[in-house]
Amino acid sequence: AYAGASERAHFLERRLLSRALVARCAGVTADLIHIAYDEHGAPRVAGADVFVSVSSRGARAALAVASSPVGVDLEPFDEASPVIDDVLGKAERSALARLTGVERARAFLRIWTAKEAYLKALGRGFKRDPGLVAIEARGDSFRVEDTGFAAELAAGAFAPQGDLIVACAVLP
């Protein structure tokens, strides 16, 4: 095997699963689905009115399909991971300052996955400064405030999966 063989295998598996999921949602067979990438690197379904988003870490992946722009992100939870202040707004930094240890690490990762899911749904990724996007986590959902951009998301959802935190954002 060559270096990166497992990464390539995981990539191909994600592509097959993405096509199968889109096909199921569109009511067609997977061989009719072609997923390409736009100029920003976001996956787009050719010739269909569906949107797809993929996030992965090794062999784990989260896939989302919707009838409007969608973004999904998954991150492994590690209580030792640092909180990166540069990607946070003032209110988020203030909220995290009241927390310590594991609670703070988990709260940061929930904010981060929600931001990344939202930015993916916008289709621009990190061309938009994540510090300009405010996330308010509310149990299993989150609210996004992004006054500097035309798109607005009322709520998104978290789906905790063991040691992973998964967030999904669907734009109206």
Foldseek 3Di string as FASTA:
>chain_A
DDPCPQVVVLVVVVVQVQLCVVCVVVVHHSVVWDWDADPQRAIDTPPDQKGKEWEDDRNDIDIDIDSAQKFKYKDFQDQPDDQDCQLAEPVLVVVLVVDDGSVSSVSSVLLVRQLQGVLVSVVNGPVDRNHQWHWDDDVQKIAIDRPPDDWGFGMWGWDDDVRMIMIMTGTD
